[in-house]
């Protein structure tokens, strides 16, 4: 009976060691993730500041594009009206 208890104790110790190793590995991975998140968070305001002028330029381009499309549609309507009047 003692040998069964000692082998169970050895197995439990081995299992406990494996669990502790997994906890250690998980803790190390979480530390690495925290480091990466901090690094990304520190870069984000700088990146946003650099992207702000691009956002303004893209907004201007979109506005000009919409105005051009509207002008083309209006021109087409005018042409269709003049064709109808000629007919």
C-alpha atoms as a PDB file:
ATOM      1  CA  UNK A   1       0.000   0.000   0.000  1.00  0.00           C
ATOM      2  CA  UNK A   2       2.890   2.332   0.760  1.00  0.00           C
ATOM      3  CA  UNK A   3       4.367   1.803  -2.698  1.00  0.00           C
ATOM      4  CA  UNK A   4       1.034   2.700  -4.276  1.00  0.00           C
ATOM      5  CA  UNK A   5       0.889   5.867  -2.163  1.00  0.00           C
ATOM      6  CA  UNK A   6       4.495   6.782  -2.963  1.00  0.00           C
ATOM      7  CA  UNK A   7       3.970   6.214  -6.701  1.00  0.00           C
ATOM      8  CA  UNK A   8       0.760   8.260  -6.514  1.00  0.00           C
ATOM      9  CA  UNK A   9       2.727  10.950  -4.675  1.00  0.00           C
ATOM     10  CA  UNK A  10       5.451  10.846  -7.321  1.00  0.00           C
ATOM     11  CA  UNK A  11       2.836  11.018 -10.070  1.00  0.00           C
ATOM     12  CA  UNK A  12       1.135  13.920  -8.338  1.00  0.00           C
ATOM     13  CA  UNK A  13       4.455  15.673  -7.927  1.00  0.00           C
ATOM     14  CA  UNK A  14       5.204  15.135 -11.594  1.00  0.00           C
ATOM     15  CA  UNK A  15       1.735  16.377 -12.518  1.00  0.00           C
ATOM     16  CA  UNK A  16       2.119  19.348 -10.197  1.00  0.00           C
ATOM     17  CA  UNK A  17       5.462  20.139 -11.802  1.00  0.00           C
ATOM     18  CA  UNK A  18       3.902  20.006 -15.269  1.00  0.00           C
ATOM     19  CA  UNK A  19       1.123  22.339 -14.140  1.00  0.00           C
ATOM     20  CA  UNK A  20       3.665  24.723 -12.631  1.00  0.00           C
ATOM     21  CA  UNK A  21       5.702  24.629 -15.831  1.00  0.00           C
ATOM     22  CA  UNK A  22       2.601  25.480 -17.848  1.00  0.00           C
ATOM     23  CA  UNK A  23       1.791  28.344 -15.474  1.00  0.00           C
ATOM     24  CA  UNK A  24       5.354  29.611 -15.844  1.00  0.00           C
ATOM     25  CA  UNK A  25       5.115  29.410 -19.639  1.00  0.00           C
ATOM     26  CA  UNK A  26       1.747  31.171 -19.611  1.00  0.00           C
ATOM     27  CA  UNK A  27       3.102  33.914 -17.343  1.00  0.00           C
ATOM     28  CA  UNK A  28       6.069  34.430 -19.675  1.00  0.00           C
ATOM     29  CA  UNK A  29       3.752  34.617 -22.708  1.00  0.00           C
ATOM     30  CA  UNK A  30       1.511  37.121 -20.928  1.00  0.00           C
ATOM     31  CA  UNK A  31       4.542  39.255 -20.058  1.00  0.00           C
ATOM     32  CA  UNK A  32       5.598  39.241 -23.714  1.00  0.00           C
ATOM     33  CA  UNK A  33       2.075  40.178 -24.800  1.00  0.00           C
ATOM     34  CA  UNK A  34       1.992  43.020 -22.260  1.00  0.00           C
ATOM     35  CA  UNK A  35       5.323  44.302 -23.581  1.00  0.00           C
ATOM     36  CA  UNK A  36       4.075  44.240 -27.177  1.00  0.00           C
ATOM     37  CA  UNK A  37       0.819  45.967 -26.204  1.00  0.00           C
ATOM     38  CA  UNK A  38       2.739  48.709 -24.395  1.00  0.00           C
ATOM     39  CA  UNK A  39       5.011  49.198 -27.392  1.00  0.00           C
ATOM     40  CA  UNK A  40       2.045  49.365 -29.787  1.00  0.00           C
ATOM     41  CA  UNK A  41       0.172  51.734 -27.474  1.00  0.00           C
ATOM     42  CA  UNK A  42       3.166  54.055 -27.330  1.00  0.00           C
ATOM     43  CA  UNK A  43       3.448  54.177 -31.127  1.00  0.00           C
ATOM     44  CA  UNK A  44      -0.268  54.665 -31.732  1.00  0.00           C
ATOM     45  CA  UNK A  45      -0.502  58.409 -30.881  1.00  0.00           C
ATOM     46  CA  UNK A  46       2.489  59.145 -33.113  1.00  0.00           C
ATOM     47  CA  UNK A  47       0.991  57.054 -35.904  1.00  0.00           C
ATOM     48  CA  UNK A  48      -2.356  58.802 -35.531  1.00  0.00           C
ATOM     49  CA  UNK A  49      -0.665  62.191 -35.676  1.00  0.00           C
ATOM     50  CA  UNK A  50       1.069  61.185 -38.900  1.00  0.00           C
ATOM     51  CA  UNK A  51      -2.135  59.822 -40.430  1.00  0.00           C
ATOM     52  CA  UNK A  52      -4.241  62.908 -39.607  1.00  0.00           C
ATOM     53  CA  UNK A  53      -3.032  64.963 -42.654  1.00  0.00           C
ATOM     54  CA  UNK A  54      -3.661  61.957 -44.884  1.00  0.00           C
ATOM     55  CA  UNK A  55      -7.194  61.707 -43.523  1.00  0.00           C
ATOM     56  CA  UNK A  56      -7.818  65.370 -44.357  1.00  0.00           C
ATOM     57  CA  UNK A  57      -6.449  64.926 -47.882  1.00  0.00           C
ATOM     58  CA  UNK A  58      -8.598  61.846 -48.454  1.00  0.00           C
ATOM     59  CA  UNK A  59     -11.637  63.778 -47.243  1.00  0.00           C
ATOM     60  CA  UNK A  60     -10.874  66.516 -49.757  1.00  0.00           C
ATOM     61  CA  UNK A  61     -10.414  63.959 -52.541  1.00  0.00           C
ATOM     62  CA  UNK A  62     -13.755  62.352 -51.667  1.00  0.00           C
ATOM     63  CA  UNK A  63     -15.494  65.731 -51.735  1.00  0.00           C
ATOM     64  CA  UNK A  64     -13.963  66.578 -55.119  1.00  0.00           C
ATOM     65  CA  UNK A  65     -14.911  63.159 -56.468  1.00  0.00           C
ATOM     66  CA  UNK A  66     -18.524  63.563 -55.353  1.00  0.00           C
ATOM     67  CA  UNK A  67     -18.652  67.031 -56.903  1.00  0.00           C
ATOM     68  CA  UNK A  68     -17.248  65.677 -60.175  1.00  0.00           C
ATOM     69  CA  UNK A  69     -19.772  62.845 -60.286  1.00  0.00           C
ATOM     70  CA  UNK A  70     -22.590  65.274 -59.532  1.00  0.00           C
ATOM     71  CA  UNK A  71     -21.377  67.613 -62.299  1.00  0.00           C
ATOM     72  CA  UNK A  72     -21.201  64.741 -64.796  1.00  0.00           C
ATOM     73  CA  UNK A  73     -24.693  63.569 -63.900  1.00  0.00           C
ATOM     74  CA  UNK A  74     -26.047  67.079 -64.215  1.00  0.00           C
ATOM     75  CA  UNK A  75     -24.287  67.535 -67.564  1.00  0.00           C
ATOM     76  CA  UNK A  76     -25.782  64.261 -68.804  1.00  0.00           C
ATOM     77  CA  UNK A  77     -29.247  65.366 -67.685  1.00  0.00           C
ATOM     78  CA  UNK A  78     -28.802  68.680 -69.504  1.00  0.00           C
ATOM     79  CA  UNK A  79     -27.743  66.859 -72.668  1.00  0.00           C
ATOM     80  CA  UNK A  80     -30.735  64.539 -72.453  1.00  0.00           C
ATOM     81  CA  UNK A  81     -33.070  67.510 -71.967  1.00  0.00           C
ATOM     82  CA  UNK A  82     -31.611  69.314 -74.973  1.00  0.00           C
ATOM     83  CA  UNK A  83     -31.974  66.145 -77.084  1.00  0.00           C
ATOM     84  CA  UNK A  84     -35.610  65.839 -76.011  1.00  0.00           C
ATOM     85  CA  UNK A  85     -36.259  69.471 -76.912  1.00  0.00           C
ATOM     86  CA  UNK A  86     -34.672  69.003 -80.330  1.00  0.00           C
ATOM     87  CA  UNK A  87     -36.844  65.993 -81.083  1.00  0.00           C
END
